[in-house]
Amino acid sequence: MIDHLKAVEIVKAKIAAVENDYLILDEHTIEEDFGWVIFYSSRKYIETGNVEYAIAGNAPYIVDRKTGNVVVTGTAQNVAVYINAYKLTGNPHAEIVAKIHISGWRLGASAVKAIKIIQGELQLNLNEAKNIIDSVLNNKAQILNCSTEEQARKLEASINSVGFCCSVSWQEKLYQVVASDTF
């Protein structure tokens, strides 16, 4: 377990390996349960505010408080996207796929309402949605992919509200890289 000062030391060492004239922007540090997101910039930019001295592509670093591991985030998206991905998967560059796990049902569950919710939210036909709920009623858990985190949260709340046991989980989207020596 490391503290904030050690995290800053680690990032200073990382950026010093590239350039000695960079400074940590402590006032921009974001503290999270997992550790810290630490920002930096060039000394000249900090002192003058002149964009001529700004650094392009100076992505903040995430430092894990438990392990001391350091990972660079990115600049293509808002830092909150990288933080959320890191929280969910341990990889700030992961594209998150939200999944709904319907694991069972409670006494008084409404299968008809659950079918309508799934059908409407996931745009499935009636038979597809019915097969999902029938499987759950037969003690076969179902996993459904959602297009967004908001959709997953909404679906989770709706399905739980009609008596089914439902939770959201996260998975990194995996990409297949195809190598080719022809251009």
C-alpha atoms as a PDB file:
ATOM      1  CA  MET A   1       0.000   0.000   0.000  1.00  0.00           C
ATOM      2  CA  ILE A   2       1.383   3.392  -0.951  1.00  0.00           C
ATOM      3  CA  ASP A   3       0.398   6.927  -0.008  1.00  0.00           C
ATOM      4  CA  HIS A   4      -0.141   9.988  -2.194  1.00  0.00           C
ATOM      5  CA  LEU A   5       3.443  11.238  -1.777  1.00  0.00           C
ATOM      6  CA  LYS A   6       4.846   7.908  -2.977  1.00  0.00           C
ATOM      7  CA  ALA A   7       2.417   7.961  -5.928  1.00  0.00           C
ATOM      8  CA  VAL A   8       3.691  11.405  -6.912  1.00  0.00           C
ATOM      9  CA  GLU A   9       7.311  10.188  -6.639  1.00  0.00           C
ATOM     10  CA  ILE A  10       6.517   7.266  -8.949  1.00  0.00           C
ATOM     11  CA  VAL A  11       4.951   9.540 -11.576  1.00  0.00           C
ATOM     12  CA  LYS A  12       7.810  12.046 -11.289  1.00  0.00           C
ATOM     13  CA  ALA A  13      10.248   9.225 -12.044  1.00  0.00           C
ATOM     14  CA  LYS A  14       8.154   8.151 -15.056  1.00  0.00           C
ATOM     15  CA  ILE A  15       7.999  11.624 -16.571  1.00  0.00           C
ATOM     16  CA  ALA A  16      11.656  12.394 -15.742  1.00  0.00           C
ATOM     17  CA  ALA A  17      12.621   9.441 -17.926  1.00  0.00           C
ATOM     18  CA  VAL A  18      11.110  11.378 -20.841  1.00  0.00           C
ATOM     19  CA  GLU A  19      11.769  14.999 -19.903  1.00  0.00           C
ATOM     20  CA  ASN A  20      13.222  16.671 -16.827  1.00  0.00           C
ATOM     21  CA  ASP A  21      11.318  19.928 -17.206  1.00  0.00           C
ATOM     22  CA  TYR A  22       7.835  18.557 -16.411  1.00  0.00           C
ATOM     23  CA  LEU A  23       5.972  19.333 -13.192  1.00  0.00           C
ATOM     24  CA  ILE A  24       3.179  17.514 -11.369  1.00  0.00           C
ATOM     25  CA  LEU A  25      -0.083  19.479 -11.230  1.00  0.00           C
ATOM     26  CA  ASP A  26      -1.067  18.580  -7.651  1.00  0.00           C
ATOM     27  CA  GLU A  27      -4.137  20.816  -7.733  1.00  0.00           C
ATOM     28  CA  HIS A  28      -5.553  18.643 -10.533  1.00  0.00           C
ATOM     29  CA  THR A  29      -4.885  15.278  -8.864  1.00  0.00           C
ATOM     30  CA  ILE A  30      -8.020  13.159  -8.560  1.00  0.00           C
ATOM     31  CA  GLU A  31      -8.206  10.766  -5.623  1.00  0.00           C
ATOM     32  CA  GLU A  32     -10.258   7.606  -6.103  1.00  0.00           C
ATOM     33  CA  ASP A  33     -10.761   4.463  -4.031  1.00  0.00           C
ATOM     34  CA  PHE A  34      -8.198   2.657  -6.211  1.00  0.00           C
ATOM     35  CA  GLY A  35      -5.561   5.410  -5.945  1.00  0.00           C
ATOM     36  CA  TRP A  36      -4.820   8.632  -7.784  1.00  0.00           C
ATOM     37  CA  VAL A  37      -5.004  10.178 -11.234  1.00  0.00           C
ATOM     38  CA  ILE A  38      -1.994  12.447 -11.542  1.00  0.00           C
ATOM     39  CA  PHE A  39      -1.589  15.193 -14.146  1.00  0.00           C
ATOM     40  CA  TYR A  40       1.545  16.998 -15.312  1.00  0.00           C
ATOM     41  CA  SER A  41       2.687  19.694 -17.716  1.00  0.00           C
ATOM     42  CA  SER A  42       5.819  21.548 -18.751  1.00  0.00           C
ATOM     43  CA  ARG A  43       7.422  23.981 -16.323  1.00  0.00           C
ATOM     44  CA  LYS A  44       7.443  26.749 -18.954  1.00  0.00           C
ATOM     45  CA  TYR A  45       3.727  26.365 -19.629  1.00  0.00           C
ATOM     46  CA  ILE A  46       2.895  26.404 -15.911  1.00  0.00           C
ATOM     47  CA  GLU A  47       5.049  29.510 -15.343  1.00  0.00           C
ATOM     48  CA  THR A  48       3.955  31.495 -18.413  1.00  0.00           C
ATOM     49  CA  GLY A  49       0.554  30.125 -19.413  1.00  0.00           C
ATOM     50  CA  ASN A  50       1.783  30.413 -23.002  1.00  0.00           C
ATOM     51  CA  VAL A  51       0.291  27.581 -25.080  1.00  0.00           C
ATOM     52  CA  GLU A  52       3.476  27.528 -27.118  1.00  0.00           C
ATOM     53  CA  TYR A  53       4.985  25.628 -24.171  1.00  0.00           C
ATOM     54  CA  ALA A  54       2.016  23.308 -23.585  1.00  0.00           C
ATOM     55  CA  ILE A  55       2.585  19.594 -24.068  1.00  0.00           C
ATOM     56  CA  ALA A  56       0.458  17.731 -26.594  1.00  0.00           C
ATOM     57  CA  GLY A  57      -0.611  14.262 -25.510  1.00  0.00           C
ATOM     58  CA  ASN A  58       0.378  14.474 -21.851  1.00  0.00           C
ATOM     59  CA  ALA A  59      -2.124  11.915 -20.625  1.00  0.00           C
ATOM     60  CA  PRO A  60      -2.496  11.655 -16.859  1.00  0.00           C
ATOM     61  CA  TYR A  61      -1.224   8.608 -14.987  1.00  0.00           C
ATOM     62  CA  ILE A  62      -3.235   6.313 -12.751  1.00  0.00           C
ATOM     63  CA  VAL A  63      -1.344   5.051  -9.698  1.00  0.00           C
ATOM     64  CA  ASP A  64      -2.890   2.119  -7.848  1.00  0.00           C
ATOM     65  CA  ARG A  65      -2.612   2.617  -4.081  1.00  0.00           C
ATOM     66  CA  LYS A  66      -2.546  -1.128  -3.310  1.00  0.00           C
ATOM     67  CA  THR A  67       0.137  -2.190  -5.792  1.00  0.00           C
ATOM     68  CA  GLY A  68       1.945   1.004  -6.796  1.00  0.00           C
ATOM     69  CA  ASN A  69       1.350   0.051 -10.450  1.00  0.00           C
ATOM     70  CA  VAL A  70       1.252   2.960 -12.856  1.00  0.00           C
ATOM     71  CA  VAL A  71      -0.718   3.112 -16.091  1.00  0.00           C
ATOM     72  CA  VAL A  72      -1.040   5.964 -18.512  1.00  0.00           C
ATOM     73  CA  THR A  73      -4.579   6.971 -19.434  1.00  0.00           C
ATOM     74  CA  GLY A  74      -5.170   8.804 -22.702  1.00  0.00           C
ATOM     75  CA  THR A  75      -6.189  12.108 -24.211  1.00  0.00           C
ATOM     76  CA  ALA A  76      -8.753  10.982 -26.795  1.00  0.00           C
ATOM     77  CA  GLN A  77     -11.580  10.974 -24.243  1.00  0.00           C
ATOM     78  CA  ASN A  78     -12.511  12.774 -21.056  1.00  0.00           C
ATOM     79  CA  VAL A  79     -10.428  11.484 -18.141  1.00  0.00           C
ATOM     80  CA  ALA A  80     -13.645  10.266 -16.463  1.00  0.00           C
ATOM     81  CA  VAL A  81     -13.997   7.608 -19.187  1.00  0.00           C
ATOM     82  CA  TYR A  82     -10.522   6.245 -18.402  1.00  0.00           C
ATOM     83  CA  ILE A  83     -11.214   6.347 -14.657  1.00  0.00           C
ATOM     84  CA  ASN A  84     -14.493   4.455 -15.051  1.00  0.00           C
ATOM     85  CA  ALA A  85     -12.889   1.790 -17.245  1.00  0.00           C
ATOM     86  CA  TYR A  86     -10.076   1.373 -14.708  1.00  0.00           C
ATOM     87  CA  LYS A  87     -12.544   1.060 -11.835  1.00  0.00           C
ATOM     88  CA  LEU A  88     -14.486  -1.628 -13.643  1.00  0.00           C
ATOM     89  CA  THR A  89     -11.703  -3.647 -15.290  1.00  0.00           C
ATOM     90  CA  GLY A  90      -8.287  -2.463 -14.097  1.00  0.00           C
ATOM     91  CA  ASN A  91      -7.556  -1.218 -17.622  1.00  0.00           C
ATOM     92  CA  PRO A  92      -8.185   2.470 -18.408  1.00  0.00           C
ATOM     93  CA  HIS A  93      -8.302   1.681 -22.137  1.00  0.00           C
ATOM     94  CA  ALA A  94     -10.952  -1.036 -21.892  1.00  0.00           C
ATOM     95  CA  GLU A  95     -14.114  -0.509 -23.837  1.00  0.00           C
ATOM     96  CA  ILE A  96     -16.785  -1.589 -21.417  1.00  0.00           C
ATOM     97  CA  VAL A  97     -19.573  -3.984 -22.330  1.00  0.00           C
ATOM     98  CA  ALA A  98     -22.406  -3.929 -19.821  1.00  0.00           C
ATOM     99  CA  LYS A  99     -24.110  -7.253 -19.194  1.00  0.00           C
ATOM    100  CA  ILE A 100     -27.259  -8.064 -17.272  1.00  0.00           C
ATOM    101  CA  HIS A 101     -27.338 -11.309 -15.293  1.00  0.00           C
ATOM    102  CA  ILE A 102     -30.849 -12.544 -14.532  1.00  0.00           C
ATOM    103  CA  SER A 103     -30.143 -15.256 -12.001  1.00  0.00           C
ATOM    104  CA  GLY A 104     -33.542 -16.118 -10.561  1.00  0.00           C
ATOM    105  CA  TRP A 105     -36.891 -14.895  -9.386  1.00  0.00           C
ATOM    106  CA  ARG A 106     -38.760 -14.140  -6.177  1.00  0.00           C
ATOM    107  CA  LEU A 107     -42.198 -15.263  -5.088  1.00  0.00           C
ATOM    108  CA  GLY A 108     -44.772 -13.122  -6.878  1.00  0.00           C
ATOM    109  CA  ALA A 109     -42.495 -12.247  -9.822  1.00  0.00           C
ATOM    110  CA  SER A 110     -44.366 -11.056 -12.898  1.00  0.00           C
ATOM    111  CA  ALA A 111     -43.123 -12.938 -15.941  1.00  0.00           C
ATOM    112  CA  VAL A 112     -45.393 -10.943 -18.266  1.00  0.00           C
ATOM    113  CA  LYS A 113     -44.011  -7.611 -17.045  1.00  0.00           C
ATOM    114  CA  ALA A 114     -40.410  -8.879 -17.252  1.00  0.00           C
ATOM    115  CA  ILE A 115     -40.967 -10.094 -20.812  1.00  0.00           C
ATOM    116  CA  LYS A 116     -42.401  -6.699 -21.813  1.00  0.00           C
ATOM    117  CA  ILE A 117     -39.474  -4.879 -20.175  1.00  0.00           C
ATOM    118  CA  ILE A 118     -36.863  -7.025 -21.933  1.00  0.00           C
ATOM    119  CA  GLN A 119     -38.702  -6.888 -25.231  1.00  0.00           C
ATOM    120  CA  GLY A 120     -38.973  -3.101 -25.137  1.00  0.00           C
ATOM    121  CA  GLU A 121     -35.542  -2.259 -23.746  1.00  0.00           C
ATOM    122  CA  LEU A 122     -33.511  -4.698 -25.860  1.00  0.00           C
ATOM    123  CA  GLN A 123     -35.812  -4.517 -28.886  1.00  0.00           C
ATOM    124  CA  LEU A 124     -36.305  -8.269 -29.006  1.00  0.00           C
ATOM    125  CA  ASN A 125     -39.331  -9.990 -30.459  1.00  0.00           C
ATOM    126  CA  LEU A 126     -41.896 -11.457 -28.081  1.00  0.00           C
ATOM    127  CA  ASN A 127     -40.680 -15.026 -28.498  1.00  0.00           C
ATOM    128  CA  GLU A 128     -37.039 -14.101 -27.754  1.00  0.00           C
ATOM    129  CA  ALA A 129     -37.975 -12.181 -24.602  1.00  0.00           C
ATOM    130  CA  LYS A 130     -40.324 -14.973 -23.485  1.00  0.00           C
ATOM    131  CA  ASN A 131     -37.586 -17.605 -23.957  1.00  0.00           C
ATOM    132  CA  ILE A 132     -35.260 -15.596 -21.718  1.00  0.00           C
ATOM    133  CA  ILE A 133     -37.782 -15.363 -18.889  1.00  0.00           C
ATOM    134  CA  ASP A 134     -38.891 -18.997 -19.326  1.00  0.00           C
ATOM    135  CA  SER A 135     -35.262 -20.070 -18.950  1.00  0.00           C
ATOM    136  CA  VAL A 136     -34.906 -18.051 -15.734  1.00  0.00           C
ATOM    137  CA  LEU A 137     -38.150 -19.552 -14.392  1.00  0.00           C
ATOM    138  CA  ASN A 138     -36.583 -22.975 -15.115  1.00  0.00           C
ATOM    139  CA  ASN A 139     -33.528 -22.045 -13.003  1.00  0.00           C
ATOM    140  CA  LYS A 140     -31.255 -21.297 -15.967  1.00  0.00           C
ATOM    141  CA  ALA A 141     -29.590 -17.907 -15.444  1.00  0.00           C
ATOM    142  CA  GLN A 142     -29.506 -15.629 -18.464  1.00  0.00           C
ATOM    143  CA  ILE A 143     -26.896 -13.064 -19.533  1.00  0.00           C
ATOM    144  CA  LEU A 144     -27.968 -10.197 -21.766  1.00  0.00           C
ATOM    145  CA  ASN A 145     -25.719  -7.631 -23.467  1.00  0.00           C
ATOM    146  CA  CYS A 146     -26.686  -3.981 -23.195  1.00  0.00           C
ATOM    147  CA  SER A 147     -25.561  -1.183 -25.467  1.00  0.00           C
ATOM    148  CA  THR A 148     -24.802   1.336 -22.703  1.00  0.00           C
ATOM    149  CA  GLU A 149     -24.220   1.518 -18.982  1.00  0.00           C
ATOM    150  CA  GLU A 150     -27.410   3.560 -18.606  1.00  0.00           C
ATOM    151  CA  GLN A 151     -29.418   0.914 -20.435  1.00  0.00           C
ATOM    152  CA  ALA A 152     -27.952  -1.792 -18.185  1.00  0.00           C
ATOM    153  CA  ARG A 153     -28.781   0.158 -15.013  1.00  0.00           C
ATOM    154  CA  LYS A 154     -32.323   0.904 -16.216  1.00  0.00           C
ATOM    155  CA  LEU A 155     -32.929  -2.713 -17.201  1.00  0.00           C
ATOM    156  CA  GLU A 156     -31.521  -3.965 -13.893  1.00  0.00           C
ATOM    157  CA  ALA A 157     -33.842  -1.718 -11.869  1.00  0.00           C
ATOM    158  CA  SER A 158     -36.880  -2.539 -13.995  1.00  0.00           C
ATOM    159  CA  ILE A 159     -36.391  -6.306 -13.922  1.00  0.00           C
ATOM    160  CA  ASN A 160     -35.666  -6.290 -10.191  1.00  0.00           C
ATOM    161  CA  SER A 161     -38.822  -4.247  -9.603  1.00  0.00           C
ATOM    162  CA  VAL A 162     -41.027  -6.990 -11.114  1.00  0.00           C
ATOM    163  CA  GLY A 163     -39.581  -9.747  -8.936  1.00  0.00           C
ATOM    164  CA  PHE A 164     -36.581 -11.110 -10.823  1.00  0.00           C
ATOM    165  CA  CYS A 165     -33.026 -11.245  -9.440  1.00  0.00           C
ATOM    166  CA  CYS A 166     -30.877  -9.174 -11.723  1.00  0.00           C
ATOM    167  CA  SER A 167     -27.448  -7.539 -11.557  1.00  0.00           C
ATOM    168  CA  VAL A 168     -25.079  -5.660 -13.863  1.00  0.00           C
ATOM    169  CA  SER A 169     -21.574  -6.851 -14.634  1.00  0.00           C
ATOM    170  CA  TRP A 170     -18.824  -5.513 -16.839  1.00  0.00           C
ATOM    171  CA  GLN A 171     -16.495  -7.034 -19.364  1.00  0.00           C
ATOM    172  CA  GLU A 172     -13.743  -5.683 -21.537  1.00  0.00           C
ATOM    173  CA  LYS A 173     -14.588  -5.665 -25.182  1.00  0.00           C
ATOM    174  CA  LEU A 174     -12.057  -7.888 -26.883  1.00  0.00           C
ATOM    175  CA  TYR A 175     -10.773  -7.143 -30.324  1.00  0.00           C
ATOM    176  CA  GLN A 176      -9.325  -9.612 -32.764  1.00  0.00           C
ATOM    177  CA  VAL A 177      -6.188  -8.344 -34.427  1.00  0.00           C
ATOM    178  CA  VAL A 178      -5.616  -9.703 -37.882  1.00  0.00           C
ATOM    179  CA  ALA A 179      -2.039  -9.506 -39.088  1.00  0.00           C
ATOM    180  CA  SER A 180      -1.331  -9.081 -42.744  1.00  0.00           C
ATOM    181  CA  ASP A 181       1.905  -8.590 -44.577  1.00  0.00           C
ATOM    182  CA  THR A 182       0.165  -7.137 -47.617  1.00  0.00           C
ATOM    183  CA  PHE A 183      -0.719  -3.487 -47.732  1.00  0.00           C
END
